């Protein structure tokens, strides 16, 4: 996407695929499903295809997997 395609300072609508994503509606960013932090499109590296969610970093992605029940929750000690 380039500056002439629009998008401005709004949230993009994205279809998350296995190794890539498809921009359905241009925007400058998406929002992390776990932290609520804004993720610029060019910094988007973590997402869930199954839940169609974006994550700000690997830690947020791991937390989302735990919440979804796809990973065991380890007791803190």
PDB file of N, CA and C in Angstrom:
ATOM      1  N   UNK A   1       0.852  -1.173   0.000  1.00  0.00           N
ATOM      2  CA  UNK A   1       0.000   0.000   0.000  1.00  0.00           C
ATOM      3  C   UNK A   1       0.898   1.236   0.000  1.00  0.00           C
ATOM      4  N   UNK A   2       0.501   2.226  -0.778  1.00  0.00           N
ATOM      5  CA  UNK A   2       1.271   3.458  -0.769  1.00  0.00           C
ATOM      6  C   UNK A   2       0.407   4.611  -0.299  1.00  0.00           C
ATOM      7  N   UNK A   3       0.989   5.752  -0.182  1.00  0.00           N
ATOM      8  CA  UNK A   3       0.270   6.886   0.405  1.00  0.00           C
ATOM      9  C   UNK A   3      -0.906   7.358  -0.435  1.00  0.00           C
ATOM     10  N   UNK A   4      -0.954   6.980  -1.698  1.00  0.00           N
ATOM     11  CA  UNK A   4      -2.042   7.402  -2.568  1.00  0.00           C
ATOM     12  C   UNK A   4      -3.250   6.466  -2.492  1.00  0.00           C
ATOM     13  N   UNK A   5      -3.116   5.343  -1.827  1.00  0.00           N
ATOM     14  CA  UNK A   5      -4.195   4.382  -1.721  1.00  0.00           C
ATOM     15  C   UNK A   5      -5.130   4.684  -0.562  1.00  0.00           C
ATOM     16  N   UNK A   6      -4.879   5.714   0.171  1.00  0.00           N
ATOM     17  CA  UNK A   6      -5.741   6.061   1.293  1.00  0.00           C
ATOM     18  C   UNK A   6      -5.354   5.292   2.538  1.00  0.00           C
ATOM     19  N   UNK A   7      -6.255   5.232   3.446  1.00  0.00           N
ATOM     20  CA  UNK A   7      -5.956   4.535   4.693  1.00  0.00           C
ATOM     21  C   UNK A   7      -5.815   5.503   5.837  1.00  0.00           C
ATOM     22  N   UNK A   8      -5.167   6.631   5.559  1.00  0.00           N
ATOM     23  CA  UNK A   8      -5.013   7.653   6.588  1.00  0.00           C
ATOM     24  C   UNK A   8      -4.628   7.094   7.933  1.00  0.00           C
ATOM     25  N   UNK A   9      -5.269   7.599   8.954  1.00  0.00           N
ATOM     26  CA  UNK A   9      -4.973   7.178  10.319  1.00  0.00           C
ATOM     27  C   UNK A   9      -6.169   6.405  10.873  1.00  0.00           C
ATOM     28  N   UNK A  10      -6.573   5.351  10.158  1.00  0.00           N
ATOM     29  CA  UNK A  10      -7.692   4.542  10.624  1.00  0.00           C
ATOM     30  C   UNK A  10      -7.296   3.070  10.646  1.00  0.00           C
ATOM     31  N   UNK A  11      -8.117   2.301  11.306  1.00  0.00           N
ATOM     32  CA  UNK A  11      -7.838   0.868  11.430  1.00  0.00           C
ATOM     33  C   UNK A  11      -8.125   0.160  10.112  1.00  0.00           C
ATOM     34  N   UNK A  12      -7.179  -0.671   9.692  1.00  0.00           N
ATOM     35  CA  UNK A  12      -7.357  -1.475   8.486  1.00  0.00           C
ATOM     36  C   UNK A  12      -8.200  -2.702   8.812  1.00  0.00           C
ATOM     37  N   UNK A  13      -8.900  -3.204   7.830  1.00  0.00           N
ATOM     38  CA  UNK A  13      -9.616  -4.474   7.946  1.00  0.00           C
ATOM     39  C   UNK A  13      -8.787  -5.499   7.178  1.00  0.00           C
ATOM     40  N   UNK A  14      -8.415  -6.591   7.860  1.00  0.00           N
ATOM     41  CA  UNK A  14      -7.465  -7.546   7.295  1.00  0.00           C
ATOM     42  C   UNK A  14      -7.998  -8.964   7.393  1.00  0.00           C
ATOM     43  N   UNK A  15      -7.716  -9.750   6.366  1.00  0.00           N
ATOM     44  CA  UNK A  15      -7.956 -11.186   6.404  1.00  0.00           C
ATOM     45  C   UNK A  15      -6.597 -11.830   6.643  1.00  0.00           C
ATOM     46  N   UNK A  16      -6.467 -12.508   7.774  1.00  0.00           N
ATOM     47  CA  UNK A  16      -5.198 -13.119   8.143  1.00  0.00           C
ATOM     48  C   UNK A  16      -5.093 -14.497   7.520  1.00  0.00           C
ATOM     49  N   UNK A  17      -4.012 -14.726   6.805  1.00  0.00           N
ATOM     50  CA  UNK A  17      -3.757 -15.987   6.119  1.00  0.00           C
ATOM     51  C   UNK A  17      -2.584 -16.691   6.786  1.00  0.00           C
ATOM     52  N   UNK A  18      -2.262 -17.893   6.338  1.00  0.00           N
ATOM     53  CA  UNK A  18      -1.205 -18.694   6.951  1.00  0.00           C
ATOM     54  C   UNK A  18       0.148 -18.005   7.054  1.00  0.00           C
ATOM     55  N   UNK A  19       0.644 -17.484   5.968  1.00  0.00           N
ATOM     56  CA  UNK A  19       1.973 -16.864   5.982  1.00  0.00           C
ATOM     57  C   UNK A  19       1.934 -15.396   5.577  1.00  0.00           C
ATOM     58  N   UNK A  20       0.742 -14.875   5.386  1.00  0.00           N
ATOM     59  CA  UNK A  20       0.603 -13.499   4.919  1.00  0.00           C
ATOM     60  C   UNK A  20      -0.772 -12.995   5.352  1.00  0.00           C
ATOM     61  N   UNK A  21      -1.109 -11.805   4.935  1.00  0.00           N
ATOM     62  CA  UNK A  21      -2.442 -11.272   5.196  1.00  0.00           C
ATOM     63  C   UNK A  21      -2.898 -10.483   3.985  1.00  0.00           C
ATOM     64  N   UNK A  22      -4.194 -10.325   3.868  1.00  0.00           N
ATOM     65  CA  UNK A  22      -4.790  -9.593   2.763  1.00  0.00           C
ATOM     66  C   UNK A  22      -5.520  -8.387   3.335  1.00  0.00           C
ATOM     67  N   UNK A  23      -5.223  -7.214   2.818  1.00  0.00           N
ATOM     68  CA  UNK A  23      -5.879  -5.998   3.274  1.00  0.00           C
ATOM     69  C   UNK A  23      -7.215  -5.872   2.556  1.00  0.00           C
ATOM     70  N   UNK A  24      -8.296  -5.930   3.330  1.00  0.00           N
ATOM     71  CA  UNK A  24      -9.640  -5.828   2.778  1.00  0.00           C
ATOM     72  C   UNK A  24     -10.101  -4.379   2.693  1.00  0.00           C
ATOM     73  N   UNK A  25      -9.700  -3.579   3.689  1.00  0.00           N
ATOM     74  CA  UNK A  25     -10.010  -2.151   3.696  1.00  0.00           C
ATOM     75  C   UNK A  25      -8.757  -1.426   4.183  1.00  0.00           C
ATOM     76  N   UNK A  26      -8.208  -0.543   3.366  1.00  0.00           N
ATOM     77  CA  UNK A  26      -6.959   0.131   3.739  1.00  0.00           C
ATOM     78  C   UNK A  26      -7.061   0.895   5.058  1.00  0.00           C
ATOM     79  N   UNK A  27      -5.945   0.929   5.745  1.00  0.00           N
ATOM     80  CA  UNK A  27      -5.812   1.671   6.983  1.00  0.00           C
ATOM     81  C   UNK A  27      -4.347   1.711   7.358  1.00  0.00           C
ATOM     82  N   UNK A  28      -4.033   2.444   8.372  1.00  0.00           N
ATOM     83  CA  UNK A  28      -2.633   2.596   8.776  1.00  0.00           C
ATOM     84  C   UNK A  28      -2.212   1.580   9.824  1.00  0.00           C
ATOM     85  N   UNK A  29      -3.210   0.932  10.477  1.00  0.00           N
ATOM     86  CA  UNK A  29      -2.871   0.071  11.609  1.00  0.00           C
ATOM     87  C   UNK A  29      -3.986  -0.932  11.893  1.00  0.00           C
ATOM     88  N   UNK A  30      -3.671  -1.870  12.785  1.00  0.00           N
ATOM     89  CA  UNK A  30      -4.656  -2.764  13.388  1.00  0.00           C
ATOM     90  C   UNK A  30      -4.454  -2.676  14.890  1.00  0.00           C
ATOM     91  N   UNK A  31      -5.356  -3.292  15.659  1.00  0.00           N
ATOM     92  CA  UNK A  31      -5.277  -3.224  17.113  1.00  0.00           C
ATOM     93  C   UNK A  31      -5.026  -4.623  17.663  1.00  0.00           C
ATOM     94  N   UNK A  32      -4.084  -4.737  18.590  1.00  0.00           N
ATOM     95  CA  UNK A  32      -3.768  -6.015  19.228  1.00  0.00           C
ATOM     96  C   UNK A  32      -4.984  -6.513  20.005  1.00  0.00           C
ATOM     97  N   UNK A  33      -5.358  -7.762  19.767  1.00  0.00           N
ATOM     98  CA  UNK A  33      -6.528  -8.355  20.414  1.00  0.00           C
ATOM     99  C   UNK A  33      -6.316  -8.594  21.906  1.00  0.00           C
ATOM    100  N   UNK A  34      -5.068  -8.651  22.355  1.00  0.00           N
ATOM    101  CA  UNK A  34      -4.773  -8.916  23.766  1.00  0.00           C
ATOM    102  C   UNK A  34      -4.511  -7.626  24.538  1.00  0.00           C
ATOM    103  N   UNK A  35      -3.671  -6.767  23.999  1.00  0.00           N
ATOM    104  CA  UNK A  35      -3.243  -5.573  24.737  1.00  0.00           C
ATOM    105  C   UNK A  35      -4.003  -4.309  24.370  1.00  0.00           C
ATOM    106  N   UNK A  36      -4.633  -4.287  23.200  1.00  0.00           N
ATOM    107  CA  UNK A  36      -5.300  -3.076  22.740  1.00  0.00           C
ATOM    108  C   UNK A  36      -4.352  -2.063  22.125  1.00  0.00           C
ATOM    109  N   UNK A  37      -3.062  -2.410  22.036  1.00  0.00           N
ATOM    110  CA  UNK A  37      -2.080  -1.489  21.450  1.00  0.00           C
ATOM    111  C   UNK A  37      -2.248  -1.417  19.940  1.00  0.00           C
ATOM    112  N   UNK A  38      -1.940  -0.255  19.396  1.00  0.00           N
ATOM    113  CA  UNK A  38      -1.985  -0.050  17.952  1.00  0.00           C
ATOM    114  C   UNK A  38      -0.736  -0.661  17.318  1.00  0.00           C
ATOM    115  N   UNK A  39      -0.942  -1.388  16.215  1.00  0.00           N
ATOM    116  CA  UNK A  39       0.155  -2.021  15.481  1.00  0.00           C
ATOM    117  C   UNK A  39       0.158  -1.434  14.070  1.00  0.00           C
ATOM    118  N   UNK A  40       1.179  -0.660  13.702  1.00  0.00           N
ATOM    119  CA  UNK A  40       1.264  -0.172  12.327  1.00  0.00           C
ATOM    120  C   UNK A  40       1.314  -1.375  11.362  1.00  0.00           C
ATOM    121  N   UNK A  41       0.650  -1.259  10.229  1.00  0.00           N
ATOM    122  CA  UNK A  41       0.592  -2.365   9.272  1.00  0.00           C
ATOM    123  C   UNK A  41       1.983  -2.879   8.911  1.00  0.00           C
ATOM    124  N   UNK A  42       2.939  -1.983   8.721  1.00  0.00           N
ATOM    125  CA  UNK A  42       4.282  -2.440   8.329  1.00  0.00           C
ATOM    126  C   UNK A  42       5.044  -3.122   9.469  1.00  0.00           C
ATOM    127  N   UNK A  43       4.496  -3.121  10.683  1.00  0.00           N
ATOM    128  CA  UNK A  43       5.127  -3.811  11.811  1.00  0.00           C
ATOM    129  C   UNK A  43       4.347  -5.052  12.240  1.00  0.00           C
ATOM    130  N   UNK A  44       3.282  -5.395  11.520  1.00  0.00           N
ATOM    131  CA  UNK A  44       2.448  -6.544  11.861  1.00  0.00           C
ATOM    132  C   UNK A  44       3.189  -7.845  11.554  1.00  0.00           C
ATOM    133  N   UNK A  45       3.444  -8.643  12.586  1.00  0.00           N
ATOM    134  CA  UNK A  45       4.188  -9.899  12.441  1.00  0.00           C
ATOM    135  C   UNK A  45       3.474 -11.094  13.068  1.00  0.00           C
ATOM    136  N   UNK A  46       2.534 -10.853  13.966  1.00  0.00           N
ATOM    137  CA  UNK A  46       1.891 -11.929  14.718  1.00  0.00           C
ATOM    138  C   UNK A  46       0.374 -11.844  14.581  1.00  0.00           C
ATOM    139  N   UNK A  47      -0.258 -12.989  14.263  1.00  0.00           N
ATOM    140  CA  UNK A  47      -1.706 -13.047  14.162  1.00  0.00           C
ATOM    141  C   UNK A  47      -2.182 -14.483  14.242  1.00  0.00           C
ATOM    142  N   UNK A  48      -3.478 -14.624  14.413  1.00  0.00           N
ATOM    143  CA  UNK A  48      -4.110 -15.942  14.430  1.00  0.00           C
ATOM    144  C   UNK A  48      -5.027 -16.060  13.224  1.00  0.00           C
ATOM    145  N   UNK A  49      -4.787 -17.072  12.413  1.00  0.00           N
ATOM    146  CA  UNK A  49      -5.668 -17.331  11.279  1.00  0.00           C
ATOM    147  C   UNK A  49      -7.015 -17.826  11.798  1.00  0.00           C
ATOM    148  N   UNK A  50      -6.983 -18.724  12.782  1.00  0.00           N
ATOM    149  CA  UNK A  50      -8.212 -19.317  13.315  1.00  0.00           C
ATOM    150  C   UNK A  50      -9.139 -18.270  13.935  1.00  0.00           C
ATOM    151  N   UNK A  51      -8.564 -17.316  14.679  1.00  0.00           N
ATOM    152  CA  UNK A  51      -9.386 -16.311  15.364  1.00  0.00           C
ATOM    153  C   UNK A  51      -9.447 -14.979  14.621  1.00  0.00           C
ATOM    154  N   UNK A  52      -8.643 -14.847  13.558  1.00  0.00           N
ATOM    155  CA  UNK A  52      -8.588 -13.611  12.774  1.00  0.00           C
ATOM    156  C   UNK A  52      -8.311 -12.416  13.681  1.00  0.00           C
ATOM    157  N   UNK A  53      -7.223 -12.554  14.464  1.00  0.00           N
ATOM    158  CA  UNK A  53      -6.799 -11.508  15.402  1.00  0.00           C
ATOM    159  C   UNK A  53      -5.335 -11.171  15.173  1.00  0.00           C
ATOM    160  N   UNK A  54      -4.988  -9.926  15.456  1.00  0.00           N
ATOM    161  CA  UNK A  54      -3.604  -9.461  15.382  1.00  0.00           C
ATOM    162  C   UNK A  54      -3.039  -9.336  16.786  1.00  0.00           C
ATOM    163  N   UNK A  55      -1.709  -9.503  16.900  1.00  0.00           N
ATOM    164  CA  UNK A  55      -1.022  -9.386  18.190  1.00  0.00           C
ATOM    165  C   UNK A  55       0.214  -8.511  18.033  1.00  0.00           C
ATOM    166  N   UNK A  56       0.484  -7.719  19.047  1.00  0.00           N
ATOM    167  CA  UNK A  56       1.585  -6.767  19.003  1.00  0.00           C
ATOM    168  C   UNK A  56       2.954  -7.455  19.041  1.00  0.00           C
ATOM    169  N   UNK A  57       3.034  -8.608  19.722  1.00  0.00           N
ATOM    170  CA  UNK A  57       4.318  -9.316  19.821  1.00  0.00           C
ATOM    171  C   UNK A  57       4.075 -10.787  20.146  1.00  0.00           C
ATOM    172  N   UNK A  58       5.151 -11.545  20.255  1.00  0.00           N
ATOM    173  CA  UNK A  58       5.054 -12.987  20.517  1.00  0.00           C
ATOM    174  C   UNK A  58       4.417 -13.268  21.877  1.00  0.00           C
ATOM    175  N   UNK A  59       4.696 -12.438  22.855  1.00  0.00           N
ATOM    176  CA  UNK A  59       4.118 -12.621  24.190  1.00  0.00           C
ATOM    177  C   UNK A  59       2.594 -12.493  24.150  1.00  0.00           C
ATOM    178  N   UNK A  60       2.101 -11.518  23.423  1.00  0.00           N
ATOM    179  CA  UNK A  60       0.651 -11.340  23.293  1.00  0.00           C
ATOM    180  C   UNK A  60       0.034 -12.511  22.527  1.00  0.00           C
ATOM    181  N   UNK A  61       0.734 -12.992  21.520  1.00  0.00           N
ATOM    182  CA  UNK A  61       0.259 -14.146  20.762  1.00  0.00           C
ATOM    183  C   UNK A  61       0.164 -15.380  21.653  1.00  0.00           C
ATOM    184  N   UNK A  62       1.168 -15.595  22.479  1.00  0.00           N
ATOM    185  CA  UNK A  62       1.172 -16.721  23.409  1.00  0.00           C
ATOM    186  C   UNK A  62       0.016 -16.600  24.403  1.00  0.00           C
ATOM    187  N   UNK A  63      -0.203 -15.403  24.923  1.00  0.00           N
ATOM    188  CA  UNK A  63      -1.309 -15.179  25.855  1.00  0.00           C
ATOM    189  C   UNK A  63      -2.648 -15.490  25.192  1.00  0.00           C
ATOM    190  N   UNK A  64      -2.809 -15.107  23.937  1.00  0.00           N
ATOM    191  CA  UNK A  64      -4.046 -15.390  23.213  1.00  0.00           C
ATOM    192  C   UNK A  64      -4.252 -16.895  23.043  1.00  0.00           C
ATOM    193  N   UNK A  65      -3.180 -17.620  22.767  1.00  0.00           N
ATOM    194  CA  UNK A  65      -3.275 -19.081  22.634  1.00  0.00           C
ATOM    195  C   UNK A  65      -3.689 -19.709  23.958  1.00  0.00           C
ATOM    196  N   UNK A  66      -3.134 -19.219  25.047  1.00  0.00           N
ATOM    197  CA  UNK A  66      -3.510 -19.732  26.377  1.00  0.00           C
ATOM    198  C   UNK A  66      -4.979 -19.453  26.660  1.00  0.00           C
ATOM    199  N   UNK A  67      -5.418 -18.234  26.386  1.00  0.00           N
ATOM    200  CA  UNK A  67      -6.815 -17.863  26.632  1.00  0.00           C
ATOM    201  C   UNK A  67      -7.778 -18.698  25.794  1.00  0.00           C
ATOM    202  N   UNK A  68      -7.341 -19.049  24.591  1.00  0.00           N
ATOM    203  CA  UNK A  68      -8.187 -19.837  23.693  1.00  0.00           C
ATOM    204  C   UNK A  68      -8.195 -21.316  24.069  1.00  0.00           C
ATOM    205  N   UNK A  69      -7.294 -21.694  24.990  1.00  0.00           N
ATOM    206  CA  UNK A  69      -7.237 -23.075  25.430  1.00  0.00           C
ATOM    207  C   UNK A  69      -6.447 -23.984  24.515  1.00  0.00           C
ATOM    208  N   UNK A  70      -5.668 -23.407  23.630  1.00  0.00           N
ATOM    209  CA  UNK A  70      -4.873 -24.221  22.713  1.00  0.00           C
ATOM    210  C   UNK A  70      -3.507 -24.588  23.284  1.00  0.00           C
ATOM    211  N   UNK A  71      -3.134 -23.962  24.377  1.00  0.00           N
ATOM    212  CA  UNK A  71      -1.884 -24.274  25.073  1.00  0.00           C
ATOM    213  C   UNK A  71      -2.178 -24.487  26.551  1.00  0.00           C
ATOM    214  N   UNK A  72      -1.422 -25.354  27.184  1.00  0.00           N
ATOM    215  CA  UNK A  72      -1.649 -25.531  28.632  1.00  0.00           C
ATOM    216  C   UNK A  72      -1.219 -24.287  29.401  1.00  0.00           C
ATOM    217  N   UNK A  73      -1.967 -23.941  30.406  1.00  0.00           N
ATOM    218  CA  UNK A  73      -1.617 -22.825  31.288  1.00  0.00           C
ATOM    219  C   UNK A  73      -0.728 -23.366  32.377  1.00  0.00           C
ATOM    220  N   UNK A  74       0.463 -22.804  32.499  1.00  0.00           N
ATOM    221  CA  UNK A  74       1.422 -23.254  33.496  1.00  0.00           C
ATOM    222  C   UNK A  74       1.189 -22.511  34.801  1.00  0.00           C
ATOM    223  N   UNK A  75       1.118 -23.242  35.903  1.00  0.00           N
ATOM    224  CA  UNK A  75       0.952 -22.548  37.182  1.00  0.00           C
ATOM    225  C   UNK A  75       2.187 -21.706  37.501  1.00  0.00           C
ATOM    226  N   UNK A  76       1.946 -20.542  38.057  1.00  0.00           N
ATOM    227  CA  UNK A  76       3.068 -19.671  38.453  1.00  0.00           C
ATOM    228  C   UNK A  76       3.492 -20.062  39.856  1.00  0.00           C
ATOM    229  N   UNK A  77       4.785 -20.096  40.044  1.00  0.00           N
ATOM    230  CA  UNK A  77       5.229 -20.494  41.368  1.00  0.00           C
ATOM    231  C   UNK A  77       6.422 -19.810  41.870  1.00  0.00           C
TER     232      UNK A  77
END
